[in-house]
Each structure stands twice: as C-alpha cells, then as structure tokens.
Amino acid sequence: MNARLITPYAVLAGLTPLIPIPILDDLVKGFFYRKLVQSLAEAHHLALTSEEINALAEERSKGCVYGCVVGTFEFLIKRLIRKIIFILEWRRAIDLVAHTYYVGYLLDYAFAQGSYPPGDTARAGRLRTAIEQTRAGANTHLVQRVVRDSFNQSKQKVVQAVQQLTEILRDITFRRSRVWLRRAIAVRLRRRFPRVARWLYQRLRPAEADLDQVNRVEEAVAEKMEAEGPQVRASLNDLITRLQTNLAQLPKEHFEGLEKQFAQNWQISGQDAAPAAKG
C-alpha cells in the first residue's frame, strides 16, 4: 500500500476546512484530491486523462447537492459563519483526513488489483462511487481516532500550515456570484441527478465570462499550490510521519474487511452497468 503517497495528501486535504476563504478552500481540496489520484495512478503505471482524474477525484456526497440547491448567498453566509467556529472546523478537518485516507487506500487497492483499466471516464465514475459506498459502510472510528491524536499533538504546526495556505491564496480574487452554483450544477449534479441538473442549468445558464472566471480561478489555485504547496507539506513532515506510523499499526483485519466490501460493491457496479451498456 502506497501510504507514503496517501498520507500526505490526506493531511493536506484535511487542512482545507480551516482555510477562512469560502470557495477557494474547496478549490484547494479539489486540487489535492486530483494530485492524490494522479500520484497513485503514476505509482501503478497508469496513464489517466484529465477527465478520468476529475471523475475519480470528484466527491459524490449530499453536500454538493445541498450546496447546489440553496441560494448562493445563503451558502456563502453559512460557510463564513462556520469558519468562525474553529472547534467545529477542527473536527471536520479530522474527519476529512480520515475520509481522504480511506479514499486513497481503496483507490490504491483498486489500481493494484487491476480493477480499473484506463480509458473509460464512465467507469472511473463508477469506481469512485464504489469507493464512496465502501467508505460510507466502514467503521471509520479507528482511523479517526489516530488522526485526532496526531492532529492534537501537532495543533500549532497545523494552524501554521493553514496560515501558510491562506497567505498563498490572499491575492486570488473571486467575484462571489452565482458562478459557483452554476459550476456545481454543470459539473457535479449531471452524473447523479441529470434531470435536476438539466432543469436547473437551463434556468441558470452560465455566461462565457462566468465560465472563464471559474477556469481562471481554478488555474490560479493550481499554479499556487504546485509552486508553494511543497513548502506547506514540508512544514508538516513530522505530523505526516507520525500519522503514517500510527496508521500502520491498526489491525490488518480492518482493512482486509474493507477490501472485501469494496470487491463486492465493485462487482455490483459492473453488473448494474452491463444492462445500461446493452441499452
């Protein structure tokens, strides 16, 4: 298992709830998820397209649906209020580290088993869904406890790393309008709720200027993270090493059960896809 690849990106993704800049924090998380997918694929000598990477990195949770159907203004206000409550965000950060670790572990396992031959974006989406289903049904308390202990021991370094990320993002401007709502509808909802996505998209069709702005911001975030992200990671080396060591001591049976459940979910996913392909 490529723990040396998975653990750093799990920690970096976990920092993002603590970034006090709504919307940009989600873009940073998306960047780290894509880097995790890309790194694991390269470790298994798999050449993925950007579309496949996006499909494997994309979260399929009720959170994105909620963010799409509520008003953008209300969504941003809720995000801003939540940023003030550091204790809640700290808990969410720990949960996200554990979540990302499970996603990375299962994706690494799928690649190692040859479950995903590259070249099929729809198959990539099904793989991510099977991974999410497996993680959702797992007892995640073991990993969460280890992450919590490691983060609590390195709280000052975590806060400093978040401050680093915040400074990196300071000069990236983003006009807070319906752009994010439109982007979420266009990109996220279309796979799980295509009818809802089409209905909403027709009423909130993004202008070319809006799409250009989203692309510019995403590119700016990616450039910043590529250039300065390694420094943030280096500042957390002690935390990453400790967490990696402690996670390696967890019972093997826990992860073996996870692998078996994933195999079942992936098999069911293939069976469900077969009738659709024939149709």
C-alpha atoms as a PDB file:
ATOM      1  CA  MET A   1       0.000   0.000   0.000  1.00  0.00           C
ATOM      2  CA  ASN A   2       1.354   3.410  -1.018  1.00  0.00           C
ATOM      3  CA  ALA A   3       0.960   5.017   2.404  1.00  0.00           C
ATOM      4  CA  ARG A   4       3.762   7.476   1.656  1.00  0.00           C
ATOM      5  CA  LEU A   5       1.656   8.906  -1.152  1.00  0.00           C
ATOM      6  CA  ILE A   6      -1.735   8.709   0.522  1.00  0.00           C
ATOM      7  CA  THR A   7      -0.986  10.119   3.986  1.00  0.00           C
ATOM      8  CA  PRO A   8       0.498  13.482   2.896  1.00  0.00           C
ATOM      9  CA  TYR A   9      -2.436  14.261   0.607  1.00  0.00           C
ATOM     10  CA  ALA A  10      -4.905  13.162   3.275  1.00  0.00           C
ATOM     11  CA  VAL A  11      -3.317  15.627   5.701  1.00  0.00           C
ATOM     12  CA  LEU A  12      -3.182  18.447   3.143  1.00  0.00           C
ATOM     13  CA  ALA A  13      -6.813  17.926   2.122  1.00  0.00           C
ATOM     14  CA  GLY A  14      -7.731  17.915   5.802  1.00  0.00           C
ATOM     15  CA  LEU A  15      -6.348  21.410   6.227  1.00  0.00           C
ATOM     16  CA  THR A  16      -8.841  22.933   3.815  1.00  0.00           C
ATOM     17  CA  PRO A  17     -11.863  23.264   6.159  1.00  0.00           C
ATOM     18  CA  LEU A  18      -9.664  25.510   8.300  1.00  0.00           C
ATOM     19  CA  ILE A  19      -8.895  27.912   5.431  1.00  0.00           C
ATOM     20  CA  PRO A  20     -11.026  31.022   6.147  1.00  0.00           C
ATOM     21  CA  ILE A  21     -11.720  31.784   2.476  1.00  0.00           C
ATOM     22  CA  PRO A  22     -15.018  30.282   1.251  1.00  0.00           C
ATOM     23  CA  ILE A  23     -14.986  28.680  -2.212  1.00  0.00           C
ATOM     24  CA  LEU A  24     -11.204  28.827  -2.515  1.00  0.00           C
ATOM     25  CA  ASP A  25     -10.920  26.261   0.270  1.00  0.00           C
ATOM     26  CA  ASP A  26     -12.968  23.829  -1.831  1.00  0.00           C
ATOM     27  CA  LEU A  27     -10.771  24.503  -4.857  1.00  0.00           C
ATOM     28  CA  VAL A  28      -7.673  23.697  -2.824  1.00  0.00           C
ATOM     29  CA  LYS A  29      -9.265  20.472  -1.598  1.00  0.00           C
ATOM     30  CA  GLY A  30     -10.115  19.542  -5.173  1.00  0.00           C
ATOM     31  CA  PHE A  31      -6.515  20.196  -6.193  1.00  0.00           C
ATOM     32  CA  PHE A  32      -5.144  17.872  -3.507  1.00  0.00           C
ATOM     33  CA  TYR A  33      -7.664  15.165  -4.411  1.00  0.00           C
ATOM     34  CA  ARG A  34      -6.635  15.301  -8.061  1.00  0.00           C
ATOM     35  CA  LYS A  35      -2.963  15.149  -7.093  1.00  0.00           C
ATOM     36  CA  LEU A  36      -3.687  12.101  -4.942  1.00  0.00           C
ATOM     37  CA  VAL A  37      -5.399  10.325  -7.839  1.00  0.00           C
ATOM     38  CA  GLN A  38      -2.653  11.284 -10.275  1.00  0.00           C
ATOM     39  CA  SER A  39       0.132  10.192  -7.916  1.00  0.00           C
ATOM     40  CA  LEU A  40      -1.457   6.800  -7.238  1.00  0.00           C
ATOM     41  CA  ALA A  41      -2.070   6.233 -10.947  1.00  0.00           C
ATOM     42  CA  GLU A  42       1.561   7.007 -11.738  1.00  0.00           C
ATOM     43  CA  ALA A  43       2.694   4.652  -8.959  1.00  0.00           C
ATOM     44  CA  HIS A  44       0.790   1.874 -10.734  1.00  0.00           C
ATOM     45  CA  HIS A  45       1.992   2.973 -14.200  1.00  0.00           C
ATOM     46  CA  LEU A  46      -1.482   4.031 -15.291  1.00  0.00           C
ATOM     47  CA  ALA A  47      -1.912   6.925 -17.714  1.00  0.00           C
ATOM     48  CA  LEU A  48      -5.172   8.722 -16.918  1.00  0.00           C
ATOM     49  CA  THR A  49      -6.786  11.563 -18.829  1.00  0.00           C
ATOM     50  CA  SER A  50      -7.735  14.751 -17.004  1.00  0.00           C
ATOM     51  CA  GLU A  51     -11.384  13.687 -17.311  1.00  0.00           C
ATOM     52  CA  GLU A  52     -10.648  10.373 -15.606  1.00  0.00           C
ATOM     53  CA  ILE A  53      -8.689  12.108 -12.852  1.00  0.00           C
ATOM     54  CA  ASN A  54     -11.574  14.502 -12.260  1.00  0.00           C
ATOM     55  CA  ALA A  55     -14.086  11.637 -12.154  1.00  0.00           C
ATOM     56  CA  LEU A  56     -12.001   9.693  -9.636  1.00  0.00           C
ATOM     57  CA  ALA A  57     -11.359  12.793  -7.529  1.00  0.00           C
ATOM     58  CA  GLU A  58     -14.948  14.016  -7.501  1.00  0.00           C
ATOM     59  CA  GLU A  59     -16.914  13.578  -4.286  1.00  0.00           C
ATOM     60  CA  ARG A  60     -20.359  12.068  -4.579  1.00  0.00           C
ATOM     61  CA  SER A  61     -21.999  13.198  -1.377  1.00  0.00           C
ATOM     62  CA  LYS A  62     -25.136  15.012  -0.354  1.00  0.00           C
ATOM     63  CA  GLY A  63     -23.013  18.031   0.486  1.00  0.00           C
ATOM     64  CA  CYS A  64     -22.555  19.034  -3.126  1.00  0.00           C
ATOM     65  CA  VAL A  65     -26.283  18.646  -3.772  1.00  0.00           C
ATOM     66  CA  TYR A  66     -27.067  20.880  -0.816  1.00  0.00           C
ATOM     67  CA  GLY A  67     -24.589  23.463  -1.989  1.00  0.00           C
ATOM     68  CA  CYS A  68     -26.195  23.484  -5.410  1.00  0.00           C
ATOM     69  CA  VAL A  69     -29.853  23.865  -4.468  1.00  0.00           C
ATOM     70  CA  VAL A  70     -29.617  26.507  -1.762  1.00  0.00           C
ATOM     71  CA  GLY A  71     -29.116  30.112  -2.724  1.00  0.00           C
ATOM     72  CA  THR A  72     -25.503  31.061  -3.314  1.00  0.00           C
ATOM     73  CA  PHE A  73     -25.701  33.955  -0.880  1.00  0.00           C
ATOM     74  CA  GLU A  74     -27.073  31.742   1.880  1.00  0.00           C
ATOM     75  CA  PHE A  75     -24.422  29.121   1.116  1.00  0.00           C
ATOM     76  CA  LEU A  76     -21.607  31.649   1.426  1.00  0.00           C
ATOM     77  CA  ILE A  77     -23.012  33.099   4.647  1.00  0.00           C
ATOM     78  CA  LYS A  78     -23.212  29.632   6.175  1.00  0.00           C
ATOM     79  CA  ARG A  79     -19.647  28.971   5.120  1.00  0.00           C
ATOM     80  CA  LEU A  80     -18.468  32.256   6.634  1.00  0.00           C
ATOM     81  CA  ILE A  81     -20.251  31.566   9.917  1.00  0.00           C
ATOM     82  CA  ARG A  82     -18.806  28.084  10.099  1.00  0.00           C
ATOM     83  CA  LYS A  83     -15.314  29.483   9.634  1.00  0.00           C
ATOM     84  CA  ILE A  84     -15.700  31.394  12.896  1.00  0.00           C
ATOM     85  CA  ILE A  85     -16.370  28.234  14.889  1.00  0.00           C
ATOM     86  CA  PHE A  86     -12.867  26.802  14.886  1.00  0.00           C
ATOM     87  CA  ILE A  87     -13.689  23.800  17.088  1.00  0.00           C
ATOM     88  CA  LEU A  88     -16.266  22.528  14.620  1.00  0.00           C
ATOM     89  CA  GLU A  89     -13.889  23.060  11.730  1.00  0.00           C
ATOM     90  CA  TRP A  90     -11.120  21.248  13.591  1.00  0.00           C
ATOM     91  CA  ARG A  91     -13.425  18.241  13.949  1.00  0.00           C
ATOM     92  CA  ARG A  92     -14.367  18.472  10.292  1.00  0.00           C
ATOM     93  CA  ALA A  93     -10.689  18.628   9.329  1.00  0.00           C
ATOM     94  CA  ILE A  94     -10.009  15.395  11.213  1.00  0.00           C
ATOM     95  CA  ASP A  95     -12.988  13.715   9.537  1.00  0.00           C
ATOM     96  CA  LEU A  96     -11.753  14.849   6.128  1.00  0.00           C
ATOM     97  CA  VAL A  97      -8.261  13.444   6.728  1.00  0.00           C
ATOM     98  CA  ALA A  98      -9.799  10.075   7.628  1.00  0.00           C
ATOM     99  CA  HIS A  99     -12.177  10.251   4.661  1.00  0.00           C
ATOM    100  CA  THR A 100      -9.350  11.035   2.243  1.00  0.00           C
ATOM    101  CA  TYR A 101      -7.173   8.287   3.687  1.00  0.00           C
ATOM    102  CA  TYR A 102      -9.905   5.716   3.063  1.00  0.00           C
ATOM    103  CA  VAL A 103     -10.473   7.005  -0.464  1.00  0.00           C
ATOM    104  CA  GLY A 104      -6.743   6.826  -1.177  1.00  0.00           C
ATOM    105  CA  TYR A 105      -6.422   3.359   0.348  1.00  0.00           C
ATOM    106  CA  LEU A 106      -9.297   1.933  -1.693  1.00  0.00           C
ATOM    107  CA  LEU A 107      -8.202   3.637  -4.907  1.00  0.00           C
ATOM    108  CA  ASP A 108      -4.691   2.277  -4.420  1.00  0.00           C
ATOM    109  CA  TYR A 109      -6.150  -1.191  -3.818  1.00  0.00           C
ATOM    110  CA  ALA A 110      -8.322  -0.950  -6.944  1.00  0.00           C
ATOM    111  CA  PHE A 111      -5.338   0.063  -9.068  1.00  0.00           C
ATOM    112  CA  ALA A 112      -3.201  -2.729  -7.587  1.00  0.00           C
ATOM    113  CA  GLN A 113      -5.905  -5.312  -8.345  1.00  0.00           C
ATOM    114  CA  GLY A 114      -6.231  -4.153 -11.936  1.00  0.00           C
ATOM    115  CA  SER A 115      -9.840  -3.150 -11.344  1.00  0.00           C
ATOM    116  CA  TYR A 116      -9.504  -0.048 -13.470  1.00  0.00           C
ATOM    117  CA  PRO A 117      -8.046  -0.221 -16.980  1.00  0.00           C
ATOM    118  CA  PRO A 118      -7.662   3.421 -18.100  1.00  0.00           C
ATOM    119  CA  GLY A 119      -9.659   4.979 -20.890  1.00  0.00           C
ATOM    120  CA  ASP A 120     -13.264   4.950 -19.657  1.00  0.00           C
ATOM    121  CA  THR A 121     -14.486   8.046 -17.820  1.00  0.00           C
ATOM    122  CA  ALA A 122     -17.852   6.462 -17.014  1.00  0.00           C
ATOM    123  CA  ARG A 123     -16.058   3.506 -15.461  1.00  0.00           C
ATOM    124  CA  ALA A 124     -13.956   5.947 -13.437  1.00  0.00           C
ATOM    125  CA  GLY A 125     -17.152   7.465 -12.071  1.00  0.00           C
ATOM    126  CA  ARG A 126     -18.465   4.033 -11.103  1.00  0.00           C
ATOM    127  CA  LEU A 127     -15.173   3.229  -9.394  1.00  0.00           C
ATOM    128  CA  ARG A 128     -15.366   6.381  -7.295  1.00  0.00           C
ATOM    129  CA  THR A 129     -18.972   5.560  -6.388  1.00  0.00           C
ATOM    130  CA  ALA A 130     -17.971   2.046  -5.278  1.00  0.00           C
ATOM    131  CA  ILE A 131     -15.192   3.560  -3.181  1.00  0.00           C
ATOM    132  CA  GLU A 132     -17.599   6.016  -1.545  1.00  0.00           C
ATOM    133  CA  GLN A 133     -20.107   3.251  -0.826  1.00  0.00           C
ATOM    134  CA  THR A 134     -17.399   1.146   0.793  1.00  0.00           C
ATOM    135  CA  ARG A 135     -16.107   4.004   2.903  1.00  0.00           C
ATOM    136  CA  ALA A 136     -19.612   5.003   3.975  1.00  0.00           C
ATOM    137  CA  GLY A 137     -20.285   1.494   5.257  1.00  0.00           C
ATOM    138  CA  ALA A 138     -16.997   1.164   7.133  1.00  0.00           C
ATOM    139  CA  ASN A 139     -16.311   1.709  10.818  1.00  0.00           C
ATOM    140  CA  THR A 140     -14.102   4.766  10.454  1.00  0.00           C
ATOM    141  CA  HIS A 141     -13.598   5.403  14.167  1.00  0.00           C
ATOM    142  CA  LEU A 142     -10.241   3.594  14.249  1.00  0.00           C
ATOM    143  CA  VAL A 143      -8.657   5.866  11.666  1.00  0.00           C
ATOM    144  CA  GLN A 144     -10.412   8.959  13.013  1.00  0.00           C
ATOM    145  CA  ARG A 145      -9.037   8.326  16.492  1.00  0.00           C
ATOM    146  CA  VAL A 146      -5.475   8.009  15.186  1.00  0.00           C
ATOM    147  CA  VAL A 147      -5.871  11.169  13.099  1.00  0.00           C
ATOM    148  CA  ARG A 148      -7.353  13.070  16.047  1.00  0.00           C
ATOM    149  CA  ASP A 149      -4.477  12.115  18.343  1.00  0.00           C
ATOM    150  CA  SER A 150      -1.874  13.043  15.731  1.00  0.00           C
ATOM    151  CA  PHE A 151      -3.523  16.388  14.923  1.00  0.00           C
ATOM    152  CA  ASN A 152      -3.953  17.303  18.583  1.00  0.00           C
ATOM    153  CA  GLN A 153      -0.261  16.641  19.184  1.00  0.00           C
ATOM    154  CA  SER A 154       0.670  18.920  16.271  1.00  0.00           C
ATOM    155  CA  LYS A 155      -2.006  21.582  16.623  1.00  0.00           C
ATOM    156  CA  GLN A 156       0.377  24.530  16.385  1.00  0.00           C
ATOM    157  CA  LYS A 157       2.000  23.195  13.219  1.00  0.00           C
ATOM    158  CA  VAL A 158      -1.393  22.547  11.666  1.00  0.00           C
ATOM    159  CA  VAL A 159      -2.518  26.104  12.404  1.00  0.00           C
ATOM    160  CA  GLN A 160       0.723  27.482  10.961  1.00  0.00           C
ATOM    161  CA  ALA A 161       0.268  25.395   7.808  1.00  0.00           C
ATOM    162  CA  VAL A 162      -3.278  26.734   7.417  1.00  0.00           C
ATOM    163  CA  GLN A 163      -1.919  30.262   7.772  1.00  0.00           C
ATOM    164  CA  GLN A 164       0.598  29.475   5.026  1.00  0.00           C
ATOM    165  CA  LEU A 165      -2.156  28.278   2.708  1.00  0.00           C
ATOM    166  CA  THR A 166      -4.270  31.321   3.499  1.00  0.00           C
ATOM    167  CA  GLU A 167      -1.418  33.677   2.635  1.00  0.00           C
ATOM    168  CA  ILE A 168      -0.820  31.811  -0.617  1.00  0.00           C
ATOM    169  CA  LEU A 169      -4.457  32.387  -1.608  1.00  0.00           C
ATOM    170  CA  ARG A 170      -4.723  36.022  -0.494  1.00  0.00           C
ATOM    171  CA  ASP A 171      -4.145  37.579  -3.902  1.00  0.00           C
ATOM    172  CA  ILE A 172      -6.592  35.310  -5.757  1.00  0.00           C
ATOM    173  CA  THR A 173      -9.775  37.276  -6.311  1.00  0.00           C
ATOM    174  CA  PHE A 174     -13.130  35.666  -6.978  1.00  0.00           C
ATOM    175  CA  ARG A 175     -16.364  37.511  -7.637  1.00  0.00           C
ATOM    176  CA  ARG A 176     -18.895  35.811  -5.365  1.00  0.00           C
ATOM    177  CA  SER A 177     -21.955  35.467  -7.528  1.00  0.00           C
ATOM    178  CA  ARG A 178     -23.894  32.549  -8.957  1.00  0.00           C
ATOM    179  CA  VAL A 179     -20.801  31.265 -10.705  1.00  0.00           C
ATOM    180  CA  TRP A 180     -20.120  28.605  -8.113  1.00  0.00           C
ATOM    181  CA  LEU A 181     -23.747  27.468  -8.151  1.00  0.00           C
ATOM    182  CA  ARG A 182     -23.683  27.190 -11.930  1.00  0.00           C
ATOM    183  CA  ARG A 183     -20.402  25.328 -11.947  1.00  0.00           C
ATOM    184  CA  ALA A 184     -21.634  22.853  -9.351  1.00  0.00           C
ATOM    185  CA  ILE A 185     -24.769  22.193 -11.374  1.00  0.00           C
ATOM    186  CA  ALA A 186     -22.859  21.776 -14.618  1.00  0.00           C
ATOM    187  CA  VAL A 187     -20.105  19.559 -13.248  1.00  0.00           C
ATOM    188  CA  ARG A 188     -21.332  17.768 -10.141  1.00  0.00           C
ATOM    189  CA  LEU A 189     -25.043  17.116 -10.433  1.00  0.00           C
ATOM    190  CA  ARG A 190     -25.085  15.889 -14.001  1.00  0.00           C
ATOM    191  CA  ARG A 191     -23.851  12.391 -13.123  1.00  0.00           C
ATOM    192  CA  ARG A 192     -26.102  11.607 -10.147  1.00  0.00           C
ATOM    193  CA  PHE A 193     -29.143  13.758 -10.957  1.00  0.00           C
ATOM    194  CA  PRO A 194     -29.071  14.504 -14.708  1.00  0.00           C
ATOM    195  CA  ARG A 195     -32.712  15.618 -14.907  1.00  0.00           C
ATOM    196  CA  VAL A 196     -32.397  18.025 -11.988  1.00  0.00           C
ATOM    197  CA  ALA A 197     -29.119  19.289 -13.395  1.00  0.00           C
ATOM    198  CA  ARG A 198     -30.621  19.988 -16.814  1.00  0.00           C
ATOM    199  CA  TRP A 199     -33.667  21.718 -15.309  1.00  0.00           C
ATOM    200  CA  LEU A 200     -31.596  23.998 -13.097  1.00  0.00           C
ATOM    201  CA  TYR A 201     -28.919  24.566 -15.697  1.00  0.00           C
ATOM    202  CA  GLN A 202     -31.435  25.865 -18.223  1.00  0.00           C
ATOM    203  CA  ARG A 203     -32.535  28.498 -15.699  1.00  0.00           C
ATOM    204  CA  LEU A 204     -29.066  29.436 -14.553  1.00  0.00           C
ATOM    205  CA  ARG A 205     -27.101  29.107 -17.755  1.00  0.00           C
ATOM    206  CA  PRO A 206     -23.612  30.462 -17.098  1.00  0.00           C
ATOM    207  CA  ALA A 207     -22.283  33.200 -19.301  1.00  0.00           C
ATOM    208  CA  GLU A 208     -18.946  32.731 -21.046  1.00  0.00           C
ATOM    209  CA  ALA A 209     -17.455  35.355 -18.736  1.00  0.00           C
ATOM    210  CA  ASP A 210     -18.567  33.345 -15.703  1.00  0.00           C
ATOM    211  CA  LEU A 211     -17.028  30.147 -17.036  1.00  0.00           C
ATOM    212  CA  ASP A 212     -13.832  31.978 -17.904  1.00  0.00           C
ATOM    213  CA  GLN A 213     -13.666  33.345 -14.375  1.00  0.00           C
ATOM    214  CA  VAL A 214     -14.081  29.904 -12.821  1.00  0.00           C
ATOM    215  CA  ASN A 215     -11.384  28.485 -15.071  1.00  0.00           C
ATOM    216  CA  ARG A 216      -9.017  31.338 -14.266  1.00  0.00           C
ATOM    217  CA  VAL A 217      -9.515  30.939 -10.531  1.00  0.00           C
ATOM    218  CA  GLU A 218      -9.044  27.173 -10.662  1.00  0.00           C
ATOM    219  CA  GLU A 219      -5.900  27.584 -12.731  1.00  0.00           C
ATOM    220  CA  ALA A 220      -4.582  30.234 -10.346  1.00  0.00           C
ATOM    221  CA  VAL A 221      -5.183  27.970  -7.344  1.00  0.00           C
ATOM    222  CA  ALA A 222      -3.484  25.050  -9.111  1.00  0.00           C
ATOM    223  CA  GLU A 223      -0.466  27.181 -10.035  1.00  0.00           C
ATOM    224  CA  LYS A 224      -0.128  28.475  -6.484  1.00  0.00           C
ATOM    225  CA  MET A 225      -0.415  25.017  -4.984  1.00  0.00           C
ATOM    226  CA  GLU A 226       2.048  23.494  -7.453  1.00  0.00           C
ATOM    227  CA  ALA A 227       4.588  26.194  -6.650  1.00  0.00           C
ATOM    228  CA  GLU A 228       4.147  26.607  -2.907  1.00  0.00           C
ATOM    229  CA  GLY A 229       2.282  23.504  -1.766  1.00  0.00           C
ATOM    230  CA  PRO A 230       5.513  21.507  -1.260  1.00  0.00           C
ATOM    231  CA  GLN A 231       6.627  24.060   1.352  1.00  0.00           C
ATOM    232  CA  VAL A 232       3.391  23.557   3.279  1.00  0.00           C
ATOM    233  CA  ARG A 233       3.841  19.816   3.078  1.00  0.00           C
ATOM    234  CA  ALA A 234       7.438  20.081   4.306  1.00  0.00           C
ATOM    235  CA  SER A 235       6.285  22.010   7.371  1.00  0.00           C
ATOM    236  CA  LEU A 236       4.067  19.047   8.286  1.00  0.00           C
ATOM    237  CA  ASN A 237       6.613  16.259   7.791  1.00  0.00           C
ATOM    238  CA  ASP A 238       6.676  15.334  11.487  1.00  0.00           C
ATOM    239  CA  LEU A 239       2.878  15.089  11.625  1.00  0.00           C
ATOM    240  CA  ILE A 240       2.722  13.090   8.397  1.00  0.00           C
ATOM    241  CA  THR A 241       5.403  10.651   9.569  1.00  0.00           C
ATOM    242  CA  ARG A 242       3.750  10.156  12.967  1.00  0.00           C
ATOM    243  CA  LEU A 243       0.332   9.645  11.424  1.00  0.00           C
ATOM    244  CA  GLN A 244       1.680   7.210   8.853  1.00  0.00           C
ATOM    245  CA  THR A 245       3.432   5.186  11.570  1.00  0.00           C
ATOM    246  CA  ASN A 246       0.356   5.068  13.797  1.00  0.00           C
ATOM    247  CA  LEU A 247      -1.981   4.106  10.960  1.00  0.00           C
ATOM    248  CA  ALA A 248       0.324   1.233  10.028  1.00  0.00           C
ATOM    249  CA  GLN A 249      -0.249  -0.231  13.491  1.00  0.00           C
ATOM    250  CA  LEU A 250      -4.014  -0.558  13.068  1.00  0.00           C
ATOM    251  CA  PRO A 251      -5.411  -4.118  12.808  1.00  0.00           C
ATOM    252  CA  LYS A 252      -4.957  -5.587   9.339  1.00  0.00           C
ATOM    253  CA  GLU A 253      -8.375  -7.199   9.644  1.00  0.00           C
ATOM    254  CA  HIS A 254      -9.999  -3.780   9.433  1.00  0.00           C
ATOM    255  CA  PHE A 255      -8.532  -3.077   6.019  1.00  0.00           C
ATOM    256  CA  GLU A 256      -8.979  -6.636   4.787  1.00  0.00           C
ATOM    257  CA  GLY A 257     -12.686  -6.307   5.528  1.00  0.00           C
ATOM    258  CA  LEU A 258     -12.678  -3.009   3.669  1.00  0.00           C
ATOM    259  CA  GLU A 259     -11.113  -4.652   0.625  1.00  0.00           C
ATOM    260  CA  LYS A 260     -13.698  -7.445   0.603  1.00  0.00           C
ATOM    261  CA  GLN A 261     -16.563  -4.967   0.836  1.00  0.00           C
ATOM    262  CA  PHE A 262     -15.103  -2.899  -1.984  1.00  0.00           C
ATOM    263  CA  ALA A 263     -14.795  -6.003  -4.175  1.00  0.00           C
ATOM    264  CA  GLN A 264     -18.494  -6.703  -3.630  1.00  0.00           C
ATOM    265  CA  ASN A 265     -19.516  -3.114  -4.355  1.00  0.00           C
ATOM    266  CA  TRP A 266     -17.351  -3.004  -7.469  1.00  0.00           C
ATOM    267  CA  GLN A 267     -18.812  -6.271  -8.746  1.00  0.00           C
ATOM    268  CA  ILE A 268     -22.342  -4.963  -8.228  1.00  0.00           C
ATOM    269  CA  SER A 269     -21.384  -1.749 -10.014  1.00  0.00           C
ATOM    270  CA  GLY A 270     -20.238  -3.770 -13.026  1.00  0.00           C
ATOM    271  CA  GLN A 271     -23.471  -5.757 -13.064  1.00  0.00           C
ATOM    272  CA  ASP A 272     -25.536  -2.566 -12.939  1.00  0.00           C
ATOM    273  CA  ALA A 273     -23.524  -1.045 -15.776  1.00  0.00           C
ATOM    274  CA  ALA A 274     -23.971  -4.044 -18.099  1.00  0.00           C
ATOM    275  CA  PRO A 275     -27.718  -3.541 -18.820  1.00  0.00           C
ATOM    276  CA  ALA A 276     -27.144   0.165 -19.417  1.00  0.00           C
ATOM    277  CA  ALA A 277     -24.398  -0.617 -21.907  1.00  0.00           C
ATOM    278  CA  LYS A 278     -26.667  -3.024 -23.795  1.00  0.00           C
ATOM    279  CA  GLY A 279     -29.440  -0.436 -23.841  1.00  0.00           C
END
